Each structure stands twice: as C-alpha cells, then as structure tokens.
Amino acid sequence: MTEPEAIAIAQLTNDRDFLRVHAFHTQGEVIFWGYQGLEPPESEGIVNEYERVSGYLAVQYVDSFAGYKDWFIQNFRRPGFTVELGIGVNPLPAGQFSEMYEKSLGILLANLYLD
C-alpha cells in the first residue's frame, strides 16, 4: 500500500461492504479466482458461471501475488476475481474491444442473479 491509487482502492474497499470484487486486466481470456486456499467455497460456483457466460477459462491458483483480488480475499475472506480480457501482446488492438466487451458483459450481468 505505497501507491496513491492502491491506498485509495483499499480505503474505498474498507469503507464499503462489497460482496465480491473484480479486477479487470488484459490479457489471456482467463479468470483468476483463488488465493492461497483463502477463497471462500462459494467462489467456485461463481467462477463456474462466469466461465459459462464468458467462455474464459477459470484458473484457481497462479504464481503471482499482491493483486487487488488477492488482498481482498486475504483480508475479507470473500470472493475476488481477476478477469484477463483479450488475447495478444499489450496494448491489445482496439479491434478486440467489441469482443472483450461482449464476453465481460456476461460476467458483469451474472452478478445481478448470483447470490
């Protein structure tokens, strides 16, 4: 928590009672959802639905730490997800925007009917 933007997000998260969080990044068309076994059991059902509606691959663990979802899972023991949009070398071409939007829209809308 050394950068102003990280401090701001941490403060916002601490001030709110988020049920789950999503960090959107580019690239890979995957959804990371676990953190050192601290993710709650309901995370798996949620990510399975995200996988179904987006076509992205759900990945529980990865050798990368210190992201927002990791911090959230560790501190709140609630579901957190990092969604990696698109495929290719960053910056991804603007021509992928429509496809990335359509696939991620399913994830966003799923939050309207998921508990």
PDB file of N, CA and C in Angstrom:
ATOM      1  N   MET A   1       0.823  -1.194   0.000  1.00  0.00           N
ATOM      2  CA  MET A   1       0.000   0.000   0.000  1.00  0.00           C
ATOM      3  C   MET A   1       0.868   1.259   0.000  1.00  0.00           C
ATOM      4  N   THR A   2       1.705   1.346  -1.029  1.00  0.00           N
ATOM      5  CA  THR A   2       2.591   2.506  -1.104  1.00  0.00           C
ATOM      6  C   THR A   2       2.149   3.518  -2.153  1.00  0.00           C
ATOM      7  N   GLU A   3       1.396   3.098  -3.142  1.00  0.00           N
ATOM      8  CA  GLU A   3       0.996   3.989  -4.223  1.00  0.00           C
ATOM      9  C   GLU A   3      -0.360   4.622  -3.917  1.00  0.00           C
ATOM     10  N   PRO A   4      -0.542   5.890  -4.318  1.00  0.00           N
ATOM     11  CA  PRO A   4      -1.809   6.583  -4.012  1.00  0.00           C
ATOM     12  C   PRO A   4      -3.047   5.854  -4.515  1.00  0.00           C
ATOM     13  N   GLU A   5      -2.968   5.256  -5.704  1.00  0.00           N
ATOM     14  CA  GLU A   5      -4.145   4.563  -6.241  1.00  0.00           C
ATOM     15  C   GLU A   5      -4.465   3.304  -5.444  1.00  0.00           C
ATOM     16  N   ALA A   6      -3.452   2.593  -4.967  1.00  0.00           N
ATOM     17  CA  ALA A   6      -3.682   1.401  -4.134  1.00  0.00           C
ATOM     18  C   ALA A   6      -4.281   1.799  -2.798  1.00  0.00           C
ATOM     19  N   ILE A   7      -3.784   2.875  -2.231  1.00  0.00           N
ATOM     20  CA  ILE A   7      -4.320   3.377  -0.959  1.00  0.00           C
ATOM     21  C   ILE A   7      -5.783   3.781  -1.124  1.00  0.00           C
ATOM     22  N   ALA A   8      -6.091   4.442  -2.239  1.00  0.00           N
ATOM     23  CA  ALA A   8      -7.477   4.877  -2.494  1.00  0.00           C
ATOM     24  C   ALA A   8      -8.413   3.682  -2.644  1.00  0.00           C
ATOM     25  N   ILE A   9      -7.996   2.666  -3.391  1.00  0.00           N
ATOM     26  CA  ILE A   9      -8.840   1.474  -3.576  1.00  0.00           C
ATOM     27  C   ILE A   9      -9.016   0.739  -2.255  1.00  0.00           C
ATOM     28  N   ALA A  10      -7.958   0.632  -1.473  1.00  0.00           N
ATOM     29  CA  ALA A  10      -8.057  -0.031  -0.165  1.00  0.00           C
ATOM     30  C   ALA A  10      -9.021   0.723   0.738  1.00  0.00           C
ATOM     31  N   GLN A  11      -8.942   2.034   0.740  1.00  0.00           N
ATOM     32  CA  GLN A  11      -9.849   2.840   1.564  1.00  0.00           C
ATOM     33  C   GLN A  11     -11.291   2.666   1.107  1.00  0.00           C
ATOM     34  N   LEU A  12     -11.524   2.719  -0.195  1.00  0.00           N
ATOM     35  CA  LEU A  12     -12.874   2.515  -0.733  1.00  0.00           C
ATOM     36  C   LEU A  12     -13.408   1.145  -0.333  1.00  0.00           C
ATOM     37  N   THR A  13     -12.577   0.129  -0.468  1.00  0.00           N
ATOM     38  CA  THR A  13     -12.986  -1.235  -0.134  1.00  0.00           C
ATOM     39  C   THR A  13     -13.277  -1.365   1.351  1.00  0.00           C
ATOM     40  N   ASN A  14     -12.470  -0.753   2.176  1.00  0.00           N
ATOM     41  CA  ASN A  14     -12.708  -0.785   3.625  1.00  0.00           C
ATOM     42  C   ASN A  14     -13.970  -0.027   4.018  1.00  0.00           C
ATOM     43  N   ASP A  15     -14.304   1.020   3.266  1.00  0.00           N
ATOM     44  CA  ASP A  15     -15.483   1.837   3.576  1.00  0.00           C
ATOM     45  C   ASP A  15     -16.790   1.195   3.115  1.00  0.00           C
ATOM     46  N   ARG A  16     -16.708   0.278   2.173  1.00  0.00           N
ATOM     47  CA  ARG A  16     -17.901  -0.371   1.609  1.00  0.00           C
ATOM     48  C   ARG A  16     -17.976  -1.805   2.096  1.00  0.00           C
ATOM     49  N   ASP A  17     -19.109  -2.418   1.877  1.00  0.00           N
ATOM     50  CA  ASP A  17     -19.304  -3.805   2.283  1.00  0.00           C
ATOM     51  C   ASP A  17     -19.488  -4.662   1.036  1.00  0.00           C
ATOM     52  N   PHE A  18     -18.447  -4.719   0.185  1.00  0.00           N
ATOM     53  CA  PHE A  18     -18.544  -5.439  -1.075  1.00  0.00           C
ATOM     54  C   PHE A  18     -18.731  -6.938  -0.833  1.00  0.00           C
ATOM     55  N   LEU A  19     -19.654  -7.537  -1.569  1.00  0.00           N
ATOM     56  CA  LEU A  19     -19.840  -8.994  -1.512  1.00  0.00           C
ATOM     57  C   LEU A  19     -18.724  -9.720  -2.240  1.00  0.00           C
ATOM     58  N   ARG A  20     -18.238  -9.112  -3.323  1.00  0.00           N
ATOM     59  CA  ARG A  20     -17.161  -9.671  -4.118  1.00  0.00           C
ATOM     60  C   ARG A  20     -16.530  -8.528  -4.892  1.00  0.00           C
ATOM     61  N   VAL A  21     -15.322  -8.761  -5.403  1.00  0.00           N
ATOM     62  CA  VAL A  21     -14.665  -7.743  -6.218  1.00  0.00           C
ATOM     63  C   VAL A  21     -14.158  -8.364  -7.518  1.00  0.00           C
ATOM     64  N   HIS A  22     -13.967  -7.475  -8.499  1.00  0.00           N
ATOM     65  CA  HIS A  22     -13.460  -7.867  -9.807  1.00  0.00           C
ATOM     66  C   HIS A  22     -12.386  -6.876 -10.222  1.00  0.00           C
ATOM     67  N   ALA A  23     -11.255  -7.390 -10.630  1.00  0.00           N
ATOM     68  CA  ALA A  23     -10.200  -6.569 -11.214  1.00  0.00           C
ATOM     69  C   ALA A  23     -10.105  -6.959 -12.683  1.00  0.00           C
ATOM     70  N   PHE A  24     -10.280  -5.999 -13.563  1.00  0.00           N
ATOM     71  CA  PHE A  24     -10.210  -6.280 -14.995  1.00  0.00           C
ATOM     72  C   PHE A  24      -8.859  -5.827 -15.527  1.00  0.00           C
ATOM     73  N   HIS A  25      -8.172  -6.765 -16.175  1.00  0.00           N
ATOM     74  CA  HIS A  25      -6.859  -6.532 -16.772  1.00  0.00           C
ATOM     75  C   HIS A  25      -6.914  -7.039 -18.198  1.00  0.00           C
ATOM     76  N   THR A  26      -5.827  -6.878 -18.918  1.00  0.00           N
ATOM     77  CA  THR A  26      -5.678  -7.528 -20.211  1.00  0.00           C
ATOM     78  C   THR A  26      -4.394  -8.310 -20.147  1.00  0.00           C
ATOM     79  N   GLN A  27      -4.413  -9.416 -20.435  1.00  0.00           N
ATOM     80  CA  GLN A  27      -4.658 -10.329 -21.488  1.00  0.00           C
ATOM     81  C   GLN A  27      -4.653 -11.770 -21.014  1.00  0.00           C
ATOM     82  N   GLY A  28      -5.282 -12.632 -21.788  1.00  0.00           N
ATOM     83  CA  GLY A  28      -5.249 -14.050 -21.503  1.00  0.00           C
ATOM     84  C   GLY A  28      -6.567 -14.788 -21.567  1.00  0.00           C
ATOM     85  N   GLU A  29      -7.683 -14.074 -21.514  1.00  0.00           N
ATOM     86  CA  GLU A  29      -9.004 -14.709 -21.512  1.00  0.00           C
ATOM     87  C   GLU A  29      -9.113 -15.778 -20.430  1.00  0.00           C
ATOM     88  N   VAL A  30      -8.700 -15.414 -19.234  1.00  0.00           N
ATOM     89  CA  VAL A  30      -8.807 -16.280 -18.064  1.00  0.00           C
ATOM     90  C   VAL A  30      -9.396 -15.482 -16.910  1.00  0.00           C
ATOM     91  N   ILE A  31      -9.905 -16.222 -15.918  1.00  0.00           N
ATOM     92  CA  ILE A  31     -10.430 -15.611 -14.694  1.00  0.00           C
ATOM     93  C   ILE A  31      -9.706 -16.267 -13.527  1.00  0.00           C
ATOM     94  N   PHE A  32      -8.889 -15.501 -12.841  1.00  0.00           N
ATOM     95  CA  PHE A  32      -8.198 -15.995 -11.657  1.00  0.00           C
ATOM     96  C   PHE A  32      -9.106 -15.774 -10.456  1.00  0.00           C
ATOM     97  N   TRP A  33      -9.206 -16.810  -9.589  1.00  0.00           N
ATOM     98  CA  TRP A  33     -10.202 -16.703  -8.525  1.00  0.00           C
ATOM     99  C   TRP A  33      -9.766 -17.219  -7.166  1.00  0.00           C
ATOM    100  N   GLY A  34      -8.604 -17.764  -7.033  1.00  0.00           N
ATOM    101  CA  GLY A  34      -8.160 -18.297  -5.750  1.00  0.00           C
ATOM    102  C   GLY A  34      -6.977 -17.533  -5.209  1.00  0.00           C
ATOM    103  N   TYR A  35      -6.752 -17.673  -3.923  1.00  0.00           N
ATOM    104  CA  TYR A  35      -5.569 -17.086  -3.311  1.00  0.00           C
ATOM    105  C   TYR A  35      -5.167 -17.898  -2.085  1.00  0.00           C
ATOM    106  N   GLN A  36      -4.155 -18.699  -2.230  1.00  0.00           N
ATOM    107  CA  GLN A  36      -3.550 -19.476  -1.156  1.00  0.00           C
ATOM    108  C   GLN A  36      -4.555 -20.263  -0.312  1.00  0.00           C
ATOM    109  N   GLY A  37      -5.633 -20.717  -0.943  1.00  0.00           N
ATOM    110  CA  GLY A  37      -6.638 -21.500  -0.238  1.00  0.00           C
ATOM    111  C   GLY A  37      -7.530 -20.688   0.680  1.00  0.00           C
ATOM    112  N   LEU A  38      -7.444 -19.367   0.608  1.00  0.00           N
ATOM    113  CA  LEU A  38      -8.240 -18.497   1.480  1.00  0.00           C
ATOM    114  C   LEU A  38      -9.579 -18.104   0.871  1.00  0.00           C
ATOM    115  N   GLU A  39      -9.776 -18.424  -0.404  1.00  0.00           N
ATOM    116  CA  GLU A  39     -11.030 -18.059  -1.071  1.00  0.00           C
ATOM    117  C   GLU A  39     -12.179 -18.869  -0.460  1.00  0.00           C
ATOM    118  N   PRO A  40     -13.335 -18.246  -0.289  1.00  0.00           N
ATOM    119  CA  PRO A  40     -14.467 -18.971   0.288  1.00  0.00           C
ATOM    120  C   PRO A  40     -15.035 -19.992  -0.699  1.00  0.00           C
ATOM    121  N   PRO A  41     -15.724 -21.008  -0.181  1.00  0.00           N
ATOM    122  CA  PRO A  41     -16.255 -22.085  -1.042  1.00  0.00           C
ATOM    123  C   PRO A  41     -17.156 -21.587  -2.172  1.00  0.00           C
ATOM    124  N   GLU A  42     -17.916 -20.527  -1.949  1.00  0.00           N
ATOM    125  CA  GLU A  42     -18.848 -20.056  -2.986  1.00  0.00           C
ATOM    126  C   GLU A  42     -18.135 -19.476  -4.204  1.00  0.00           C
ATOM    127  N   SER A  43     -16.859 -19.186  -4.089  1.00  0.00           N
ATOM    128  CA  SER A  43     -16.104 -18.644  -5.225  1.00  0.00           C
ATOM    129  C   SER A  43     -16.131 -19.576  -6.427  1.00  0.00           C
ATOM    130  N   GLU A  44     -16.061 -20.872  -6.179  1.00  0.00           N
ATOM    131  CA  GLU A  44     -16.022 -21.829  -7.278  1.00  0.00           C
ATOM    132  C   GLU A  44     -17.322 -21.811  -8.090  1.00  0.00           C
ATOM    133  N   GLY A  45     -18.462 -21.772  -7.425  1.00  0.00           N
ATOM    134  CA  GLY A  45     -19.734 -21.713  -8.142  1.00  0.00           C
ATOM    135  C   GLY A  45     -19.873 -20.430  -8.945  1.00  0.00           C
ATOM    136  N   ILE A  46     -19.413 -19.330  -8.372  1.00  0.00           N
ATOM    137  CA  ILE A  46     -19.477 -18.042  -9.072  1.00  0.00           C
ATOM    138  C   ILE A  46     -18.599 -18.066 -10.313  1.00  0.00           C
ATOM    139  N   VAL A  47     -17.352 -18.524 -10.159  1.00  0.00           N
ATOM    140  CA  VAL A  47     -16.442 -18.517 -11.307  1.00  0.00           C
ATOM    141  C   VAL A  47     -16.888 -19.510 -12.368  1.00  0.00           C
ATOM    142  N   ASN A  48     -17.534 -20.595 -11.981  1.00  0.00           N
ATOM    143  CA  ASN A  48     -18.067 -21.519 -12.978  1.00  0.00           C
ATOM    144  C   ASN A  48     -19.121 -20.839 -13.845  1.00  0.00           C
ATOM    145  N   GLU A  49     -19.934 -19.993 -13.231  1.00  0.00           N
ATOM    146  CA  GLU A  49     -20.932 -19.245 -14.008  1.00  0.00           C
ATOM    147  C   GLU A  49     -20.248 -18.210 -14.896  1.00  0.00           C
ATOM    148  N   TYR A  50     -19.254 -17.520 -14.376  1.00  0.00           N
ATOM    149  CA  TYR A  50     -18.503 -16.563 -15.197  1.00  0.00           C
ATOM    150  C   TYR A  50     -17.871 -17.258 -16.401  1.00  0.00           C
ATOM    151  N   GLU A  51     -17.318 -18.435 -16.168  1.00  0.00           N
ATOM    152  CA  GLU A  51     -16.704 -19.208 -17.244  1.00  0.00           C
ATOM    153  C   GLU A  51     -17.753 -19.558 -18.300  1.00  0.00           C
ATOM    154  N   ARG A  52     -18.927 -19.959 -17.846  1.00  0.00           N
ATOM    155  CA  ARG A  52     -20.005 -20.346 -18.770  1.00  0.00           C
ATOM    156  C   ARG A  52     -20.450 -19.166 -19.629  1.00  0.00           C
ATOM    157  N   VAL A  53     -20.627 -18.007 -19.017  1.00  0.00           N
ATOM    158  CA  VAL A  53     -21.176 -16.874 -19.764  1.00  0.00           C
ATOM    159  C   VAL A  53     -20.143 -16.121 -20.585  1.00  0.00           C
ATOM    160  N   SER A  54     -18.865 -16.282 -20.261  1.00  0.00           N
ATOM    161  CA  SER A  54     -17.832 -15.532 -20.978  1.00  0.00           C
ATOM    162  C   SER A  54     -17.012 -16.379 -21.947  1.00  0.00           C
ATOM    163  N   GLY A  55     -16.929 -17.675 -21.678  1.00  0.00           N
ATOM    164  CA  GLY A  55     -16.036 -18.518 -22.454  1.00  0.00           C
ATOM    165  C   GLY A  55     -14.597 -18.460 -21.984  1.00  0.00           C
ATOM    166  N   TYR A  56     -14.321 -17.666 -20.965  1.00  0.00           N
ATOM    167  CA  TYR A  56     -12.972 -17.572 -20.401  1.00  0.00           C
ATOM    168  C   TYR A  56     -12.706 -18.773 -19.508  1.00  0.00           C
ATOM    169  N   LEU A  57     -11.445 -19.128 -19.364  1.00  0.00           N
ATOM    170  CA  LEU A  57     -11.030 -20.261 -18.551  1.00  0.00           C
ATOM    171  C   LEU A  57     -10.865 -19.828 -17.088  1.00  0.00           C
ATOM    172  N   ALA A  58     -11.461 -20.569 -16.172  1.00  0.00           N
ATOM    173  CA  ALA A  58     -11.300 -20.303 -14.742  1.00  0.00           C
ATOM    174  C   ALA A  58     -10.014 -20.958 -14.252  1.00  0.00           C
ATOM    175  N   VAL A  59      -9.170 -20.183 -13.574  1.00  0.00           N
ATOM    176  CA  VAL A  59      -7.899 -20.670 -13.037  1.00  0.00           C
ATOM    177  C   VAL A  59      -7.859 -20.327 -11.555  1.00  0.00           C
ATOM    178  N   GLN A  60      -7.755 -21.367 -10.725  1.00  0.00           N
ATOM    179  CA  GLN A  60      -7.811 -21.125  -9.279  1.00  0.00           C
ATOM    180  C   GLN A  60      -6.535 -20.486  -8.746  1.00  0.00           C
ATOM    181  N   TYR A  61      -5.400 -21.062  -9.059  1.00  0.00           N
ATOM    182  CA  TYR A  61      -4.151 -20.558  -8.483  1.00  0.00           C
ATOM    183  C   TYR A  61      -3.134 -20.223  -9.554  1.00  0.00           C
ATOM    184  N   VAL A  62      -2.352 -19.204  -9.285  1.00  0.00           N
ATOM    185  CA  VAL A  62      -1.290 -18.768 -10.183  1.00  0.00           C
ATOM    186  C   VAL A  62      -0.137 -18.266  -9.314  1.00  0.00           C
ATOM    187  N   ASP A  63       1.085 -18.354  -9.825  1.00  0.00           N
ATOM    188  CA  ASP A  63       2.254 -17.886  -9.077  1.00  0.00           C
ATOM    189  C   ASP A  63       2.434 -16.386  -9.222  1.00  0.00           C
ATOM    190  N   SER A  64       1.460 -15.648  -8.785  1.00  0.00           N
ATOM    191  CA  SER A  64       1.512 -14.192  -8.809  1.00  0.00           C
ATOM    192  C   SER A  64       0.710 -13.707  -7.620  1.00  0.00           C
ATOM    193  N   PHE A  65       1.285 -12.805  -6.881  1.00  0.00           N
ATOM    194  CA  PHE A  65       0.639 -12.339  -5.654  1.00  0.00           C
ATOM    195  C   PHE A  65       0.643 -10.815  -5.625  1.00  0.00           C
ATOM    196  N   ALA A  66      -0.116 -10.266  -4.735  1.00  0.00           N
ATOM    197  CA  ALA A  66      -0.144  -8.824  -4.473  1.00  0.00           C
ATOM    198  C   ALA A  66      -1.147  -8.064  -5.328  1.00  0.00           C
ATOM    199  N   GLY A  67      -2.040  -8.767  -6.000  1.00  0.00           N
ATOM    200  CA  GLY A  67      -3.088  -8.088  -6.745  1.00  0.00           C
ATOM    201  C   GLY A  67      -4.255  -7.723  -5.840  1.00  0.00           C
ATOM    202  N   TYR A  68      -5.151  -6.916  -6.363  1.00  0.00           N
ATOM    203  CA  TYR A  68      -6.320  -6.467  -5.604  1.00  0.00           C
ATOM    204  C   TYR A  68      -7.156  -7.647  -5.132  1.00  0.00           C
ATOM    205  N   LYS A  69      -7.427  -8.612  -6.043  1.00  0.00           N
ATOM    206  CA  LYS A  69      -8.248  -9.757  -5.639  1.00  0.00           C
ATOM    207  C   LYS A  69      -7.577 -10.545  -4.528  1.00  0.00           C
ATOM    208  N   ASP A  70      -6.259 -10.688  -4.578  1.00  0.00           N
ATOM    209  CA  ASP A  70      -5.527 -11.410  -3.529  1.00  0.00           C
ATOM    210  C   ASP A  70      -5.674 -10.696  -2.184  1.00  0.00           C
ATOM    211  N   TRP A  71      -5.470  -9.402  -2.201  1.00  0.00           N
ATOM    212  CA  TRP A  71      -5.602  -8.590  -0.990  1.00  0.00           C
ATOM    213  C   TRP A  71      -7.019  -8.694  -0.428  1.00  0.00           C
ATOM    214  N   PHE A  72      -8.020  -8.612  -1.321  1.00  0.00           N
ATOM    215  CA  PHE A  72      -9.411  -8.675  -0.883  1.00  0.00           C
ATOM    216  C   PHE A  72      -9.737 -10.034  -0.267  1.00  0.00           C
ATOM    217  N   ILE A  73      -9.358 -11.106  -0.943  1.00  0.00           N
ATOM    218  CA  ILE A  73      -9.618 -12.451  -0.412  1.00  0.00           C
ATOM    219  C   ILE A  73      -8.928 -12.627   0.936  1.00  0.00           C
ATOM    220  N   GLN A  74      -7.691 -12.218   1.026  1.00  0.00           N
ATOM    221  CA  GLN A  74      -6.932 -12.380   2.266  1.00  0.00           C
ATOM    222  C   GLN A  74      -7.548 -11.593   3.423  1.00  0.00           C
ATOM    223  N   ASN A  75      -7.982 -10.376   3.161  1.00  0.00           N
ATOM    224  CA  ASN A  75      -8.467  -9.511   4.233  1.00  0.00           C
ATOM    225  C   ASN A  75      -9.937  -9.662   4.565  1.00  0.00           C
ATOM    226  N   PHE A  76     -10.740 -10.043   3.574  1.00  0.00           N
ATOM    227  CA  PHE A  76     -12.182 -10.107   3.792  1.00  0.00           C
ATOM    228  C   PHE A  76     -12.753 -11.521   3.717  1.00  0.00           C
ATOM    229  N   ARG A  77     -11.971 -12.469   3.188  1.00  0.00           N
ATOM    230  CA  ARG A  77     -12.411 -13.863   3.024  1.00  0.00           C
ATOM    231  C   ARG A  77     -13.715 -13.937   2.219  1.00  0.00           C
ATOM    232  N   ARG A  78     -13.784 -13.108   1.205  1.00  0.00           N
ATOM    233  CA  ARG A  78     -14.919 -13.079   0.284  1.00  0.00           C
ATOM    234  C   ARG A  78     -14.400 -13.326  -1.128  1.00  0.00           C
ATOM    235  N   PRO A  79     -15.290 -13.654  -2.067  1.00  0.00           N
ATOM    236  CA  PRO A  79     -14.850 -13.938  -3.436  1.00  0.00           C
ATOM    237  C   PRO A  79     -14.219 -12.722  -4.114  1.00  0.00           C
ATOM    238  N   GLY A  80     -13.118 -12.979  -4.777  1.00  0.00           N
ATOM    239  CA  GLY A  80     -12.437 -11.960  -5.568  1.00  0.00           C
ATOM    240  C   GLY A  80     -11.978 -12.582  -6.875  1.00  0.00           C
ATOM    241  N   PHE A  81     -11.977 -11.797  -7.930  1.00  0.00           N
ATOM    242  CA  PHE A  81     -11.675 -12.313  -9.265  1.00  0.00           C
ATOM    243  C   PHE A  81     -10.836 -11.317 -10.051  1.00  0.00           C
ATOM    244  N   THR A  82      -9.859 -11.830 -10.769  1.00  0.00           N
ATOM    245  CA  THR A  82      -9.130 -11.028 -11.751  1.00  0.00           C
ATOM    246  C   THR A  82      -9.496 -11.586 -13.110  1.00  0.00           C
ATOM    247  N   VAL A  83     -10.096 -10.739 -13.926  1.00  0.00           N
ATOM    248  CA  VAL A  83     -10.534 -11.129 -15.270  1.00  0.00           C
ATOM    249  C   VAL A  83      -9.529 -10.558 -16.261  1.00  0.00           C
ATOM    250  N   GLU A  84      -8.901 -11.445 -17.007  1.00  0.00           N
ATOM    251  CA  GLU A  84      -7.914 -11.047 -18.013  1.00  0.00           C
ATOM    252  C   GLU A  84      -8.586 -11.047 -19.387  1.00  0.00           C
ATOM    253  N   LEU A  85      -8.856  -9.862 -19.890  1.00  0.00           N
ATOM    254  CA  LEU A  85      -9.569  -9.693 -21.156  1.00  0.00           C
ATOM    255  C   LEU A  85      -8.630  -9.825 -22.350  1.00  0.00           C
ATOM    256  N   GLY A  86      -9.137 -10.416 -23.423  1.00  0.00           N
ATOM    257  CA  GLY A  86      -8.430 -10.423 -24.697  1.00  0.00           C
ATOM    258  C   GLY A  86      -7.226 -11.334 -24.772  1.00  0.00           C
ATOM    259  N   ILE A  87      -6.669 -11.398 -25.977  1.00  0.00           N
ATOM    260  CA  ILE A  87      -5.508 -12.242 -26.282  1.00  0.00           C
ATOM    261  C   ILE A  87      -4.532 -11.415 -27.110  1.00  0.00           C
ATOM    262  N   GLY A  88      -3.260 -11.598 -26.853  1.00  0.00           N
ATOM    263  CA  GLY A  88      -2.250 -10.925 -27.665  1.00  0.00           C
ATOM    264  C   GLY A  88      -1.224 -10.227 -26.805  1.00  0.00           C
ATOM    265  N   VAL A  89      -0.535  -9.279 -27.423  1.00  0.00           N
ATOM    266  CA  VAL A  89       0.504  -8.515 -26.759  1.00  0.00           C
ATOM    267  C   VAL A  89      -0.067  -7.146 -26.399  1.00  0.00           C
ATOM    268  N   ASN A  90       0.153  -6.737 -25.163  1.00  0.00           N
ATOM    269  CA  ASN A  90      -0.319  -5.416 -24.737  1.00  0.00           C
ATOM    270  C   ASN A  90       0.538  -4.311 -25.339  1.00  0.00           C
ATOM    271  N   PRO A  91      -0.078  -3.204 -25.706  1.00  0.00           N
ATOM    272  CA  PRO A  91      -1.520  -2.965 -25.616  1.00  0.00           C
ATOM    273  C   PRO A  91      -2.271  -3.742 -26.691  1.00  0.00           C
ATOM    274  N   LEU A  92      -3.392  -4.320 -26.273  1.00  0.00           N
ATOM    275  CA  LEU A  92      -4.198  -5.090 -27.219  1.00  0.00           C
ATOM    276  C   LEU A  92      -4.790  -4.158 -28.270  1.00  0.00           C
ATOM    277  N   PRO A  93      -4.994  -4.670 -29.476  1.00  0.00           N
ATOM    278  CA  PRO A  93      -5.547  -3.824 -30.538  1.00  0.00           C
ATOM    279  C   PRO A  93      -6.989  -3.413 -30.247  1.00  0.00           C
ATOM    280  N   ALA A  94      -7.307  -2.193 -30.605  1.00  0.00           N
ATOM    281  CA  ALA A  94      -8.652  -1.660 -30.390  1.00  0.00           C
ATOM    282  C   ALA A  94      -9.709  -2.517 -31.081  1.00  0.00           C
ATOM    283  N   GLY A  95      -9.328  -3.233 -32.112  1.00  0.00           N
ATOM    284  CA  GLY A  95     -10.256  -4.092 -32.828  1.00  0.00           C
ATOM    285  C   GLY A  95     -10.812  -5.222 -31.968  1.00  0.00           C
ATOM    286  N   GLN A  96     -10.177  -5.520 -30.842  1.00  0.00           N
ATOM    287  CA  GLN A  96     -10.666  -6.565 -29.939  1.00  0.00           C
ATOM    288  C   GLN A  96     -11.694  -6.030 -28.946  1.00  0.00           C
ATOM    289  N   PHE A  97     -11.891  -4.726 -28.919  1.00  0.00           N
ATOM    290  CA  PHE A  97     -12.738  -4.152 -27.878  1.00  0.00           C
ATOM    291  C   PHE A  97     -14.141  -4.744 -27.854  1.00  0.00           C
ATOM    292  N   SER A  98     -14.801  -4.841 -28.990  1.00  0.00           N
ATOM    293  CA  SER A  98     -16.182  -5.345 -29.027  1.00  0.00           C
ATOM    294  C   SER A  98     -16.284  -6.753 -28.458  1.00  0.00           C
ATOM    295  N   GLU A  99     -15.353  -7.617 -28.840  1.00  0.00           N
ATOM    296  CA  GLU A  99     -15.371  -8.993 -28.338  1.00  0.00           C
ATOM    297  C   GLU A  99     -15.089  -9.033 -26.835  1.00  0.00           C
ATOM    298  N   MET A 100     -14.121  -8.238 -26.374  1.00  0.00           N
ATOM    299  CA  MET A 100     -13.817  -8.205 -24.938  1.00  0.00           C
ATOM    300  C   MET A 100     -15.012  -7.670 -24.145  1.00  0.00           C
ATOM    301  N   TYR A 101     -15.661  -6.663 -24.691  1.00  0.00           N
ATOM    302  CA  TYR A 101     -16.831  -6.089 -24.024  1.00  0.00           C
ATOM    303  C   TYR A 101     -17.946  -7.125 -23.922  1.00  0.00           C
ATOM    304  N   GLU A 102     -18.222  -7.808 -25.020  1.00  0.00           N
ATOM    305  CA  GLU A 102     -19.309  -8.786 -25.035  1.00  0.00           C
ATOM    306  C   GLU A 102     -19.056  -9.920 -24.042  1.00  0.00           C
ATOM    307  N   LYS A 103     -17.838 -10.429 -24.011  1.00  0.00           N
ATOM    308  CA  LYS A 103     -17.518 -11.529 -23.097  1.00  0.00           C
ATOM    309  C   LYS A 103     -17.553 -11.076 -21.642  1.00  0.00           C
ATOM    310  N   SER A 104     -17.057  -9.892 -21.362  1.00  0.00           N
ATOM    311  CA  SER A 104     -17.056  -9.412 -19.976  1.00  0.00           C
ATOM    312  C   SER A 104     -18.441  -8.965 -19.532  1.00  0.00           C
ATOM    313  N   LEU A 105     -19.284  -8.553 -20.451  1.00  0.00           N
ATOM    314  CA  LEU A 105     -20.642  -8.160 -20.095  1.00  0.00           C
ATOM    315  C   LEU A 105     -21.394  -9.312 -19.445  1.00  0.00           C
ATOM    316  N   GLY A 106     -21.189 -10.529 -19.931  1.00  0.00           N
ATOM    317  CA  GLY A 106     -21.818 -11.695 -19.307  1.00  0.00           C
ATOM    318  C   GLY A 106     -21.414 -11.839 -17.855  1.00  0.00           C
ATOM    319  N   ILE A 107     -20.161 -11.577 -17.558  1.00  0.00           N
ATOM    320  CA  ILE A 107     -19.675 -11.653 -16.185  1.00  0.00           C
ATOM    321  C   ILE A 107     -20.344 -10.582 -15.334  1.00  0.00           C
ATOM    322  N   LEU A 108     -20.380  -9.380 -15.844  1.00  0.00           N
ATOM    323  CA  LEU A 108     -20.990  -8.282 -15.083  1.00  0.00           C
ATOM    324  C   LEU A 108     -22.476  -8.540 -14.836  1.00  0.00           C
ATOM    325  N   LEU A 109     -23.179  -8.999 -15.857  1.00  0.00           N
ATOM    326  CA  LEU A 109     -24.619  -9.260 -15.702  1.00  0.00           C
ATOM    327  C   LEU A 109     -24.896 -10.443 -14.781  1.00  0.00           C
ATOM    328  N   ALA A 110     -24.003 -11.415 -14.755  1.00  0.00           N
ATOM    329  CA  ALA A 110     -24.200 -12.577 -13.869  1.00  0.00           C
ATOM    330  C   ALA A 110     -24.297 -12.126 -12.408  1.00  0.00           C
ATOM    331  N   ASN A 111     -23.673 -11.027 -12.080  1.00  0.00           N
ATOM    332  CA  ASN A 111     -23.741 -10.538 -10.694  1.00  0.00           C
ATOM    333  C   ASN A 111     -25.128 -10.064 -10.303  1.00  0.00           C
ATOM    334  N   LEU A 112     -25.996  -9.873 -11.278  1.00  0.00           N
ATOM    335  CA  LEU A 112     -27.369  -9.466 -10.971  1.00  0.00           C
ATOM    336  C   LEU A 112     -28.217 -10.639 -10.469  1.00  0.00           C
ATOM    337  N   TYR A 113     -27.816 -11.862 -10.831  1.00  0.00           N
ATOM    338  CA  TYR A 113     -28.629 -13.013 -10.402  1.00  0.00           C
ATOM    339  C   TYR A 113     -27.879 -13.990  -9.501  1.00  0.00           C
ATOM    340  N   LEU A 114     -26.598 -13.792  -9.308  1.00  0.00           N
ATOM    341  CA  LEU A 114     -25.845 -14.657  -8.394  1.00  0.00           C
ATOM    342  C   LEU A 114     -26.008 -14.169  -6.961  1.00  0.00           C
ATOM    343  N   ASP A 115     -26.090 -15.106  -6.030  1.00  0.00           N
ATOM    344  CA  ASP A 115     -26.166 -14.718  -4.615  1.00  0.00           C
ATOM    345  C   ASP A 115     -24.807 -14.283  -4.128  1.00  0.00           C
TER     346      ASP A 115
END
